[in-house]
Amino acid sequence: MELKIEIKRFLDTLDRSPRTVSTYKNALEQFVYAVGEEDVELNTETYTSFLATLKSKSPSSQRVYTTAVKKFYAFCKAGNMDELKAAPPPHAKQGKRIVNFNREAVEKVIAYCSALNGSLEALRDHAFVLTLVDTGLRISEACSLKRSDIDWLEARVIIIGKGDKQAVIRFSNRSVEALNAYLHARSVVDPNSRTPLGSQPVFARHDIRASKKIRPITAGGMWKAIKIRIVESGVERSAVRIHDFRHYFVTLTYLAKHDLKLSQVLARHESISTTNRYAHFGSEADAAYDEIFNKDTGKDAE
């Protein structure tokens, strides 16, 4: 969907005062900022992402902004309006939720993407998925990487993440190998770009509109590509969310060491309580339950 075009059409149809139209325009600009403008699906997930950006605004502004976006959804005949109405307001505080995701589905997608080869798109998606699951990078962070950002000798990169904080991100051997294979294959295209090699994006577009130039790919465009790979892997599209790859990363770090503090550092969580949402994986309670209910008595039932 060409989001900005649809927003203009929506605003042009409003029979409201210039002030109200201006307010709706500001609200929808905030929406575009929150969810991106390329290949965006108007669903409950993107609406919830938008709500998260409104927490600093006053309750009255929040009401106006959410009303504007709901009306835009209705104009586009998109999303489930009952679900949108049920979404918690941005000022409502929720308790910490236990992390729950379909690990089997995620691992099936990882296995499929790990075997991708041949075209630039295949090599890119292969490298991108391994980068997400082995570094814990958020999709926007991965899409923002420049080639010169990566210290190839140390297999790491220093990024500025959430809260404008610097963090060290480490790359696994397999993710480095996949990145090198992708960037080597891309070398036939790179010379066509006027952008210096070090300033070029690590992950680029390779669609027809990108031509033979190196253009950065947005988080929305990359997620669209990964959704195609999810379906190709035989996994139900709704079974895997983009953040599940990060959930997978944090889960593996915790299961390997059962050290919440270490997982907090690797995941770059500001609070240990966020990391604690993963503590139920492989917990002592699981082992105790198994011992109580699944132990082999060694005797045949009489």
C-alpha atoms as a PDB file:
ATOM      1  CA  MET A   1       0.000   0.000   0.000  1.00  0.00           C
ATOM      2  CA  GLU A   2       1.242   3.499  -0.870  1.00  0.00           C
ATOM      3  CA  LEU A   3       0.561   4.807   2.599  1.00  0.00           C
ATOM      4  CA  LYS A   4       1.154   8.501   1.975  1.00  0.00           C
ATOM      5  CA  ILE A   5      -1.071   8.469  -1.107  1.00  0.00           C
ATOM      6  CA  GLU A   6      -3.899   6.792   0.825  1.00  0.00           C
ATOM      7  CA  ILE A   7      -3.519   9.273   3.666  1.00  0.00           C
ATOM      8  CA  LYS A   8      -3.795  12.188   1.237  1.00  0.00           C
ATOM      9  CA  ARG A   9      -6.939  10.659  -0.278  1.00  0.00           C
ATOM     10  CA  PHE A  10      -8.392  10.221   3.206  1.00  0.00           C
ATOM     11  CA  LEU A  11      -7.639  13.807   4.276  1.00  0.00           C
ATOM     12  CA  ASP A  12      -9.103  15.156   1.017  1.00  0.00           C
ATOM     13  CA  THR A  13     -12.419  13.444   1.795  1.00  0.00           C
ATOM     14  CA  LEU A  14     -12.744  14.899   5.303  1.00  0.00           C
ATOM     15  CA  ASP A  15     -15.578  17.352   5.682  1.00  0.00           C
ATOM     16  CA  ARG A  16     -14.168  18.908   8.829  1.00  0.00           C
ATOM     17  CA  SER A  17     -12.684  22.229   9.894  1.00  0.00           C
ATOM     18  CA  PRO A  18      -9.167  23.103   8.684  1.00  0.00           C
ATOM     19  CA  ARG A  19      -7.966  22.781  12.273  1.00  0.00           C
ATOM     20  CA  THR A  20      -9.348  19.250  12.601  1.00  0.00           C
ATOM     21  CA  VAL A  21      -7.891  18.239   9.246  1.00  0.00           C
ATOM     22  CA  SER A  22      -4.514  19.593  10.375  1.00  0.00           C
ATOM     23  CA  THR A  23      -4.742  17.626  13.614  1.00  0.00           C
ATOM     24  CA  TYR A  24      -5.622  14.430  11.734  1.00  0.00           C
ATOM     25  CA  LYS A  25      -2.717  15.069   9.388  1.00  0.00           C
ATOM     26  CA  ASN A  26      -0.336  15.359  12.350  1.00  0.00           C
ATOM     27  CA  ALA A  27      -1.741  12.153  13.811  1.00  0.00           C
ATOM     28  CA  LEU A  28      -1.242  10.246  10.569  1.00  0.00           C
ATOM     29  CA  GLU A  29       2.270  11.611  10.190  1.00  0.00           C
ATOM     30  CA  GLN A  30       2.956  10.164  13.640  1.00  0.00           C
ATOM     31  CA  PHE A  31       1.464   6.888  12.438  1.00  0.00           C
ATOM     32  CA  VAL A  32       3.766   6.817   9.390  1.00  0.00           C
ATOM     33  CA  TYR A  33       6.749   7.579  11.607  1.00  0.00           C
ATOM     34  CA  ALA A  34       5.828   4.670  13.895  1.00  0.00           C
ATOM     35  CA  VAL A  35       5.165   1.962  11.297  1.00  0.00           C
ATOM     36  CA  GLY A  36       7.079   3.095   8.194  1.00  0.00           C
ATOM     37  CA  GLU A  37       5.620   3.994   4.847  1.00  0.00           C
ATOM     38  CA  GLU A  38       6.670   1.102   2.618  1.00  0.00           C
ATOM     39  CA  ASP A  39       4.739  -2.166   2.343  1.00  0.00           C
ATOM     40  CA  VAL A  40       2.765  -1.537   5.531  1.00  0.00           C
ATOM     41  CA  GLU A  41      -0.153  -3.781   6.414  1.00  0.00           C
ATOM     42  CA  LEU A  42      -2.970  -1.953   8.169  1.00  0.00           C
ATOM     43  CA  ASN A  43      -3.692  -4.464  10.897  1.00  0.00           C
ATOM     44  CA  THR A  44      -3.936  -4.599  14.675  1.00  0.00           C
ATOM     45  CA  GLU A  45      -0.196  -5.163  15.018  1.00  0.00           C
ATOM     46  CA  THR A  46       0.730  -1.931  13.225  1.00  0.00           C
ATOM     47  CA  TYR A  47      -1.966  -0.049  15.144  1.00  0.00           C
ATOM     48  CA  THR A  48      -0.516  -1.300  18.442  1.00  0.00           C
ATOM     49  CA  SER A  49       2.963  -0.197  17.335  1.00  0.00           C
ATOM     50  CA  PHE A  50       1.521   3.251  16.724  1.00  0.00           C
ATOM     51  CA  LEU A  51      -0.068   3.345  20.192  1.00  0.00           C
ATOM     52  CA  ALA A  52       3.316   2.736  21.796  1.00  0.00           C
ATOM     53  CA  THR A  53       4.582   6.061  20.381  1.00  0.00           C
ATOM     54  CA  LEU A  54       1.826   8.086  22.048  1.00  0.00           C
ATOM     55  CA  LYS A  55       2.738   7.480  25.686  1.00  0.00           C
ATOM     56  CA  SER A  56       4.370  10.896  26.088  1.00  0.00           C
ATOM     57  CA  LYS A  57       1.318  12.751  24.784  1.00  0.00           C
ATOM     58  CA  SER A  58      -1.559  14.014  26.879  1.00  0.00           C
ATOM     59  CA  PRO A  59      -4.695  11.865  27.200  1.00  0.00           C
ATOM     60  CA  SER A  60      -6.669  14.332  25.056  1.00  0.00           C
ATOM     61  CA  SER A  61      -4.060  14.208  22.264  1.00  0.00           C
ATOM     62  CA  GLN A  62      -4.012  10.434  22.489  1.00  0.00           C
ATOM     63  CA  ARG A  63      -7.777  10.298  21.981  1.00  0.00           C
ATOM     64  CA  VAL A  64      -7.644  12.569  18.935  1.00  0.00           C
ATOM     65  CA  TYR A  65      -4.705  10.713  17.382  1.00  0.00           C
ATOM     66  CA  THR A  66      -6.215   7.263  17.877  1.00  0.00           C
ATOM     67  CA  THR A  67      -9.545   8.482  16.479  1.00  0.00           C
ATOM     68  CA  ALA A  68      -7.786   9.798  13.367  1.00  0.00           C
ATOM     69  CA  VAL A  69      -5.997   6.510  12.735  1.00  0.00           C
ATOM     70  CA  LYS A  70      -9.132   4.429  13.345  1.00  0.00           C
ATOM     71  CA  LYS A  71     -11.023   6.560  10.839  1.00  0.00           C
ATOM     72  CA  PHE A  72      -8.178   6.092   8.369  1.00  0.00           C
ATOM     73  CA  TYR A  73      -8.372   2.315   8.844  1.00  0.00           C
ATOM     74  CA  ALA A  74     -12.118   2.453   8.245  1.00  0.00           C
ATOM     75  CA  PHE A  75     -11.570   4.577   5.130  1.00  0.00           C
ATOM     76  CA  CYS A  76      -9.166   1.936   3.787  1.00  0.00           C
ATOM     77  CA  LYS A  77     -11.519  -0.843   4.921  1.00  0.00           C
ATOM     78  CA  ALA A  78      -8.566  -2.406   6.715  1.00  0.00           C
ATOM     79  CA  GLY A  79      -8.081  -4.104  10.061  1.00  0.00           C
ATOM     80  CA  ASN A  80     -10.613  -5.505  12.480  1.00  0.00           C
ATOM     81  CA  MET A  81     -12.297  -2.520  14.115  1.00  0.00           C
ATOM     82  CA  ASP A  82     -13.400  -4.588  17.123  1.00  0.00           C
ATOM     83  CA  GLU A  83      -9.786  -5.540  17.769  1.00  0.00           C
ATOM     84  CA  LEU A  84      -8.656  -1.938  17.377  1.00  0.00           C
ATOM     85  CA  LYS A  85     -11.238  -0.809  19.904  1.00  0.00           C
ATOM     86  CA  ALA A  86     -10.062  -3.530  22.286  1.00  0.00           C
ATOM     87  CA  ALA A  87      -6.414  -2.440  22.051  1.00  0.00           C
ATOM     88  CA  PRO A  88      -5.299  -0.929  25.382  1.00  0.00           C
ATOM     89  CA  PRO A  89      -4.919   2.855  25.390  1.00  0.00           C
ATOM     90  CA  PRO A  90      -1.309   4.087  25.276  1.00  0.00           C
ATOM     91  CA  HIS A  91      -1.502   5.466  28.814  1.00  0.00           C
ATOM     92  CA  ALA A  92      -2.648   2.153  30.305  1.00  0.00           C
ATOM     93  CA  LYS A  93       0.086   0.345  32.181  1.00  0.00           C
ATOM     94  CA  GLN A  94       0.334  -3.397  31.729  1.00  0.00           C
ATOM     95  CA  GLY A  95       2.106  -5.877  33.926  1.00  0.00           C
ATOM     96  CA  LYS A  96       5.077  -7.757  32.549  1.00  0.00           C
ATOM     97  CA  ARG A  97       3.955 -10.600  30.310  1.00  0.00           C
ATOM     98  CA  ILE A  98       5.731 -13.946  30.069  1.00  0.00           C
ATOM     99  CA  VAL A  99       7.356 -14.289  26.665  1.00  0.00           C
ATOM    100  CA  ASN A 100       5.512 -16.826  24.560  1.00  0.00           C
ATOM    101  CA  PHE A 101       6.298 -17.627  20.936  1.00  0.00           C
ATOM    102  CA  ASN A 102       6.225 -20.586  18.574  1.00  0.00           C
ATOM    103  CA  ARG A 103       9.815 -21.763  18.862  1.00  0.00           C
ATOM    104  CA  GLU A 104       9.279 -24.757  16.574  1.00  0.00           C
ATOM    105  CA  ALA A 105       7.939 -22.495  13.810  1.00  0.00           C
ATOM    106  CA  VAL A 106      10.824 -20.046  14.224  1.00  0.00           C
ATOM    107  CA  GLU A 107      13.388 -22.846  14.010  1.00  0.00           C
ATOM    108  CA  LYS A 108      11.716 -24.188  10.879  1.00  0.00           C
ATOM    109  CA  VAL A 109      11.985 -20.740   9.253  1.00  0.00           C
ATOM    110  CA  ILE A 110      15.633 -20.453  10.331  1.00  0.00           C
ATOM    111  CA  ALA A 111      16.436 -23.862   8.836  1.00  0.00           C
ATOM    112  CA  TYR A 112      14.730 -22.928   5.570  1.00  0.00           C
ATOM    113  CA  CYS A 113      16.460 -19.547   5.284  1.00  0.00           C
ATOM    114  CA  SER A 114      19.815 -21.106   6.153  1.00  0.00           C
ATOM    115  CA  ALA A 115      19.556 -23.164   2.971  1.00  0.00           C
ATOM    116  CA  LEU A 116      18.682 -20.234   0.693  1.00  0.00           C
ATOM    117  CA  ASN A 117      21.230 -19.690  -2.065  1.00  0.00           C
ATOM    118  CA  GLY A 118      21.608 -18.405  -5.611  1.00  0.00           C
ATOM    119  CA  SER A 119      20.005 -15.014  -6.153  1.00  0.00           C
ATOM    120  CA  LEU A 120      20.930 -11.833  -4.322  1.00  0.00           C
ATOM    121  CA  GLU A 121      17.520 -11.809  -2.638  1.00  0.00           C
ATOM    122  CA  ALA A 122      18.028 -15.377  -1.397  1.00  0.00           C
ATOM    123  CA  LEU A 123      21.534 -14.662  -0.084  1.00  0.00           C
ATOM    124  CA  ARG A 124      20.325 -11.454   1.564  1.00  0.00           C
ATOM    125  CA  ASP A 125      17.396 -13.126   3.302  1.00  0.00           C
ATOM    126  CA  HIS A 126      19.662 -15.987   4.395  1.00  0.00           C
ATOM    127  CA  ALA A 127      22.130 -13.535   5.948  1.00  0.00           C
ATOM    128  CA  PHE A 128      19.402 -11.323   7.412  1.00  0.00           C
ATOM    129  CA  VAL A 129      17.592 -14.065   9.318  1.00  0.00           C
ATOM    130  CA  LEU A 130      20.843 -15.471  10.733  1.00  0.00           C
ATOM    131  CA  THR A 131      21.850 -11.951  11.721  1.00  0.00           C
ATOM    132  CA  LEU A 132      18.594 -11.447  13.629  1.00  0.00           C
ATOM    133  CA  VAL A 133      18.654 -14.760  15.489  1.00  0.00           C
ATOM    134  CA  ASP A 134      22.389 -14.745  16.318  1.00  0.00           C
ATOM    135  CA  THR A 135      22.789 -11.079  17.294  1.00  0.00           C
ATOM    136  CA  GLY A 136      19.455 -10.105  18.848  1.00  0.00           C
ATOM    137  CA  LEU A 137      19.294  -7.003  16.652  1.00  0.00           C
ATOM    138  CA  ARG A 138      15.897  -5.486  16.101  1.00  0.00           C
ATOM    139  CA  ILE A 139      14.826  -5.384  12.446  1.00  0.00           C
ATOM    140  CA  SER A 140      15.195  -1.597  12.257  1.00  0.00           C
ATOM    141  CA  GLU A 141      18.690  -1.820  13.750  1.00  0.00           C
ATOM    142  CA  ALA A 142      19.762  -4.493  11.259  1.00  0.00           C
ATOM    143  CA  CYS A 143      18.394  -2.500   8.318  1.00  0.00           C
ATOM    144  CA  SER A 144      20.325   0.580   9.497  1.00  0.00           C
ATOM    145  CA  LEU A 145      23.730  -1.140   9.419  1.00  0.00           C
ATOM    146  CA  LYS A 146      26.376   0.255   7.075  1.00  0.00           C
ATOM    147  CA  ARG A 147      29.213  -1.872   5.752  1.00  0.00           C
ATOM    148  CA  SER A 148      31.835   0.164   7.600  1.00  0.00           C
ATOM    149  CA  ASP A 149      29.980  -0.310  10.898  1.00  0.00           C
ATOM    150  CA  ILE A 150      31.060  -3.941  11.170  1.00  0.00           C
ATOM    151  CA  ASP A 151      34.450  -4.830  12.621  1.00  0.00           C
ATOM    152  CA  TRP A 152      35.056  -7.965  10.596  1.00  0.00           C
ATOM    153  CA  LEU A 153      38.182  -9.004  12.532  1.00  0.00           C
ATOM    154  CA  GLU A 154      36.360  -8.916  15.863  1.00  0.00           C
ATOM    155  CA  ALA A 155      33.019 -10.002  14.334  1.00  0.00           C
ATOM    156  CA  ARG A 156      31.095  -7.281  16.102  1.00  0.00           C
ATOM    157  CA  VAL A 157      29.528  -3.866  15.665  1.00  0.00           C
ATOM    158  CA  ILE A 158      28.872  -0.952  17.992  1.00  0.00           C
ATOM    159  CA  ILE A 159      25.403   0.465  17.506  1.00  0.00           C
ATOM    160  CA  ILE A 160      23.263   3.168  19.037  1.00  0.00           C
ATOM    161  CA  GLY A 161      20.099   1.395  20.093  1.00  0.00           C
ATOM    162  CA  LYS A 162      17.005   2.255  22.098  1.00  0.00           C
ATOM    163  CA  GLY A 163      17.382   5.182  24.446  1.00  0.00           C
ATOM    164  CA  ASP A 164      20.263   6.536  22.364  1.00  0.00           C
ATOM    165  CA  LYS A 165      22.600   4.083  24.110  1.00  0.00           C
ATOM    166  CA  GLN A 166      25.661   2.487  22.585  1.00  0.00           C
ATOM    167  CA  ALA A 167      25.949  -1.286  22.655  1.00  0.00           C
ATOM    168  CA  VAL A 168      28.313  -3.963  21.378  1.00  0.00           C
ATOM    169  CA  ILE A 169      26.669  -6.520  19.096  1.00  0.00           C
ATOM    170  CA  ARG A 170      28.502  -9.767  18.433  1.00  0.00           C
ATOM    171  CA  PHE A 171      28.154 -11.851  15.268  1.00  0.00           C
ATOM    172  CA  SER A 172      28.309 -15.642  15.126  1.00  0.00           C
ATOM    173  CA  ASN A 173      30.584 -17.474  12.712  1.00  0.00           C
ATOM    174  CA  ARG A 174      27.630 -18.593  10.599  1.00  0.00           C
ATOM    175  CA  SER A 175      26.155 -15.098  10.368  1.00  0.00           C
ATOM    176  CA  VAL A 176      29.534 -13.662   9.305  1.00  0.00           C
ATOM    177  CA  GLU A 177      29.884 -16.405   6.706  1.00  0.00           C
ATOM    178  CA  ALA A 178      26.399 -15.666   5.352  1.00  0.00           C
ATOM    179  CA  LEU A 179      27.082 -11.921   5.266  1.00  0.00           C
ATOM    180  CA  ASN A 180      30.360 -12.422   3.406  1.00  0.00           C
ATOM    181  CA  ALA A 181      28.661 -14.676   0.843  1.00  0.00           C
ATOM    182  CA  TYR A 182      25.923 -12.085   0.274  1.00  0.00           C
ATOM    183  CA  LEU A 183      28.281  -9.100   0.026  1.00  0.00           C
ATOM    184  CA  HIS A 184      30.649 -10.989  -2.269  1.00  0.00           C
ATOM    185  CA  ALA A 185      27.768 -11.827  -4.629  1.00  0.00           C
ATOM    186  CA  ARG A 186      26.725  -8.179  -4.477  1.00  0.00           C
ATOM    187  CA  SER A 187      30.152  -7.011  -5.671  1.00  0.00           C
ATOM    188  CA  VAL A 188      28.915  -7.082  -9.279  1.00  0.00           C
ATOM    189  CA  VAL A 189      26.298  -4.487  -8.345  1.00  0.00           C
ATOM    190  CA  ASP A 190      28.224  -2.320  -5.864  1.00  0.00           C
ATOM    191  CA  PRO A 191      30.400  -0.558  -8.495  1.00  0.00           C
ATOM    192  CA  ASN A 192      27.222   0.909 -10.045  1.00  0.00           C
ATOM    193  CA  SER A 193      26.584   2.876  -6.871  1.00  0.00           C
ATOM    194  CA  ARG A 194      27.963   6.353  -6.345  1.00  0.00           C
ATOM    195  CA  THR A 195      27.886   5.763  -2.597  1.00  0.00           C
ATOM    196  CA  PRO A 196      31.301   4.903  -1.112  1.00  0.00           C
ATOM    197  CA  LEU A 197      31.580   1.213  -0.230  1.00  0.00           C
ATOM    198  CA  GLY A 198      31.798   1.796   3.512  1.00  0.00           C
ATOM    199  CA  SER A 199      28.682   3.971   3.497  1.00  0.00           C
ATOM    200  CA  GLN A 200      26.566   1.435   1.654  1.00  0.00           C
ATOM    201  CA  PRO A 201      23.917  -0.487   3.597  1.00  0.00           C
ATOM    202  CA  VAL A 202      24.711  -4.023   4.669  1.00  0.00           C
ATOM    203  CA  PHE A 203      21.260  -5.113   3.527  1.00  0.00           C
ATOM    204  CA  ALA A 204      19.954  -3.642   0.282  1.00  0.00           C
ATOM    205  CA  ARG A 205      16.947  -3.743  -2.006  1.00  0.00           C
ATOM    206  CA  HIS A 206      17.140  -6.000  -5.033  1.00  0.00           C
ATOM    207  CA  ASP A 207      13.708  -5.453  -6.552  1.00  0.00           C
ATOM    208  CA  ILE A 208      13.167  -4.200 -10.087  1.00  0.00           C
ATOM    209  CA  ARG A 209      12.630  -0.609  -8.938  1.00  0.00           C
ATOM    210  CA  ALA A 210      16.039  -0.614  -7.249  1.00  0.00           C
ATOM    211  CA  SER A 211      17.600  -1.321 -10.649  1.00  0.00           C
ATOM    212  CA  LYS A 212      21.306  -2.131 -10.458  1.00  0.00           C
ATOM    213  CA  LYS A 213      22.035   0.357  -7.710  1.00  0.00           C
ATOM    214  CA  ILE A 214      22.568  -0.178  -4.026  1.00  0.00           C
ATOM    215  CA  ARG A 215      19.588   1.204  -2.165  1.00  0.00           C
ATOM    216  CA  PRO A 216      18.894   0.608   1.540  1.00  0.00           C
ATOM    217  CA  ILE A 217      15.918  -1.529   2.413  1.00  0.00           C
ATOM    218  CA  THR A 218      13.427  -0.349   5.028  1.00  0.00           C
ATOM    219  CA  ALA A 219      12.294  -2.422   7.980  1.00  0.00           C
ATOM    220  CA  GLY A 220       8.872  -2.725   6.324  1.00  0.00           C
ATOM    221  CA  GLY A 221      10.359  -3.899   3.037  1.00  0.00           C
ATOM    222  CA  MET A 222      12.602  -6.416   4.792  1.00  0.00           C
ATOM    223  CA  TRP A 223       9.747  -7.773   6.885  1.00  0.00           C
ATOM    224  CA  LYS A 224       7.692  -8.224   3.707  1.00  0.00           C
ATOM    225  CA  ALA A 225      10.541 -10.310   2.237  1.00  0.00           C
ATOM    226  CA  ILE A 226      10.820 -12.421   5.393  1.00  0.00           C
ATOM    227  CA  LYS A 227       7.064 -13.043   5.457  1.00  0.00           C
ATOM    228  CA  ILE A 228       7.398 -14.566   1.992  1.00  0.00           C
ATOM    229  CA  ARG A 229      10.144 -16.858   3.316  1.00  0.00           C
ATOM    230  CA  ILE A 230       7.949 -17.864   6.262  1.00  0.00           C
ATOM    231  CA  VAL A 231       5.230 -19.051   3.894  1.00  0.00           C
ATOM    232  CA  GLU A 232       7.787 -20.761   1.626  1.00  0.00           C
ATOM    233  CA  SER A 233       9.115 -22.689   4.625  1.00  0.00           C
ATOM    234  CA  GLY A 234       5.702 -24.264   5.132  1.00  0.00           C
ATOM    235  CA  VAL A 235       4.951 -22.300   8.300  1.00  0.00           C
ATOM    236  CA  GLU A 236       1.634 -20.533   8.805  1.00  0.00           C
ATOM    237  CA  ARG A 237       2.228 -16.840   8.243  1.00  0.00           C
ATOM    238  CA  SER A 238       0.606 -15.843  11.549  1.00  0.00           C
ATOM    239  CA  ALA A 239       2.771 -18.293  13.510  1.00  0.00           C
ATOM    240  CA  VAL A 240       5.868 -16.077  13.401  1.00  0.00           C
ATOM    241  CA  ARG A 241       6.134 -12.381  14.245  1.00  0.00           C
ATOM    242  CA  ILE A 242       9.200 -10.311  13.434  1.00  0.00           C
ATOM    243  CA  HIS A 243      10.092  -9.864  17.110  1.00  0.00           C
ATOM    244  CA  ASP A 244      10.040 -13.643  17.581  1.00  0.00           C
ATOM    245  CA  PHE A 245      13.551 -13.835  16.124  1.00  0.00           C
ATOM    246  CA  ARG A 246      14.743 -11.613  18.964  1.00  0.00           C
ATOM    247  CA  HIS A 247      12.732 -13.677  21.455  1.00  0.00           C
ATOM    248  CA  TYR A 248      14.538 -16.715  20.079  1.00  0.00           C
ATOM    249  CA  PHE A 249      17.946 -15.070  20.587  1.00  0.00           C
ATOM    250  CA  VAL A 250      17.243 -14.144  24.215  1.00  0.00           C
ATOM    251  CA  THR A 251      15.769 -17.581  24.941  1.00  0.00           C
ATOM    252  CA  LEU A 252      18.870 -19.379  23.640  1.00  0.00           C
ATOM    253  CA  THR A 253      21.215 -17.179  25.664  1.00  0.00           C
ATOM    254  CA  TYR A 254      19.229 -17.902  28.816  1.00  0.00           C
ATOM    255  CA  LEU A 255      18.896 -21.647  28.218  1.00  0.00           C
ATOM    256  CA  ALA A 256      22.640 -21.920  27.577  1.00  0.00           C
ATOM    257  CA  LYS A 257      23.752 -20.350  30.871  1.00  0.00           C
ATOM    258  CA  HIS A 258      20.645 -19.799  33.008  1.00  0.00           C
ATOM    259  CA  ASP A 259      22.196 -16.447  33.855  1.00  0.00           C
ATOM    260  CA  LEU A 260      19.636 -13.647  33.729  1.00  0.00           C
ATOM    261  CA  LYS A 261      22.250 -10.911  34.113  1.00  0.00           C
ATOM    262  CA  LEU A 262      24.274 -12.225  31.165  1.00  0.00           C
ATOM    263  CA  SER A 263      21.140 -12.509  29.022  1.00  0.00           C
ATOM    264  CA  GLN A 264      20.185  -8.971  30.012  1.00  0.00           C
ATOM    265  CA  VAL A 265      23.551  -7.676  28.772  1.00  0.00           C
ATOM    266  CA  LEU A 266      23.409  -9.608  25.502  1.00  0.00           C
ATOM    267  CA  ALA A 267      19.784  -8.608  24.865  1.00  0.00           C
ATOM    268  CA  ARG A 268      20.452  -4.969  25.859  1.00  0.00           C
ATOM    269  CA  HIS A 269      17.478  -4.879  28.188  1.00  0.00           C
ATOM    270  CA  GLU A 270      17.446  -1.784  30.365  1.00  0.00           C
ATOM    271  CA  SER A 271      15.753  -3.638  33.211  1.00  0.00           C
ATOM    272  CA  ILE A 272      16.399  -7.144  34.513  1.00  0.00           C
ATOM    273  CA  SER A 273      12.624  -7.494  34.905  1.00  0.00           C
ATOM    274  CA  THR A 274      12.329  -7.514  31.105  1.00  0.00           C
ATOM    275  CA  THR A 275      14.820 -10.373  30.853  1.00  0.00           C
ATOM    276  CA  ASN A 276      13.021 -12.168  33.669  1.00  0.00           C
ATOM    277  CA  ARG A 277      10.099 -12.683  31.270  1.00  0.00           C
ATOM    278  CA  TYR A 278      12.207 -15.478  29.721  1.00  0.00           C
ATOM    279  CA  ALA A 279      13.027 -17.233  33.004  1.00  0.00           C
ATOM    280  CA  HIS A 280      10.230 -19.784  32.634  1.00  0.00           C
ATOM    281  CA  PHE A 281      12.121 -21.484  29.790  1.00  0.00           C
ATOM    282  CA  GLY A 282      13.912 -24.567  31.121  1.00  0.00           C
ATOM    283  CA  SER A 283      13.053 -23.604  34.692  1.00  0.00           C
ATOM    284  CA  GLU A 284      13.426 -25.695  37.844  1.00  0.00           C
ATOM    285  CA  ALA A 285       9.637 -25.924  37.912  1.00  0.00           C
ATOM    286  CA  ASP A 286       9.745 -27.768  34.558  1.00  0.00           C
ATOM    287  CA  ALA A 287      12.279 -30.247  35.912  1.00  0.00           C
ATOM    288  CA  ALA A 288      10.301 -30.744  39.123  1.00  0.00           C
ATOM    289  CA  TYR A 289       7.057 -31.293  37.221  1.00  0.00           C
ATOM    290  CA  ASP A 290       8.742 -33.843  34.970  1.00  0.00           C
ATOM    291  CA  GLU A 291      10.123 -35.691  37.983  1.00  0.00           C
ATOM    292  CA  ILE A 292       6.744 -35.765  39.691  1.00  0.00           C
ATOM    293  CA  PHE A 293       4.486 -36.701  36.795  1.00  0.00           C
ATOM    294  CA  ASN A 294       6.691 -38.240  34.103  1.00  0.00           C
ATOM    295  CA  LYS A 295       9.197 -40.318  36.056  1.00  0.00           C
ATOM    296  CA  ASP A 296       9.546 -43.977  35.155  1.00  0.00           C
ATOM    297  CA  THR A 297       8.724 -46.116  38.199  1.00  0.00           C
ATOM    298  CA  GLY A 298      10.158 -49.196  36.521  1.00  0.00           C
ATOM    299  CA  LYS A 299       7.126 -51.198  37.491  1.00  0.00           C
ATOM    300  CA  ASP A 300       4.312 -52.423  35.317  1.00  0.00           C
ATOM    301  CA  ALA A 301       0.886 -51.168  36.231  1.00  0.00           C
ATOM    302  CA  GLU A 302      -1.056 -53.829  38.070  1.00  0.00           C
END
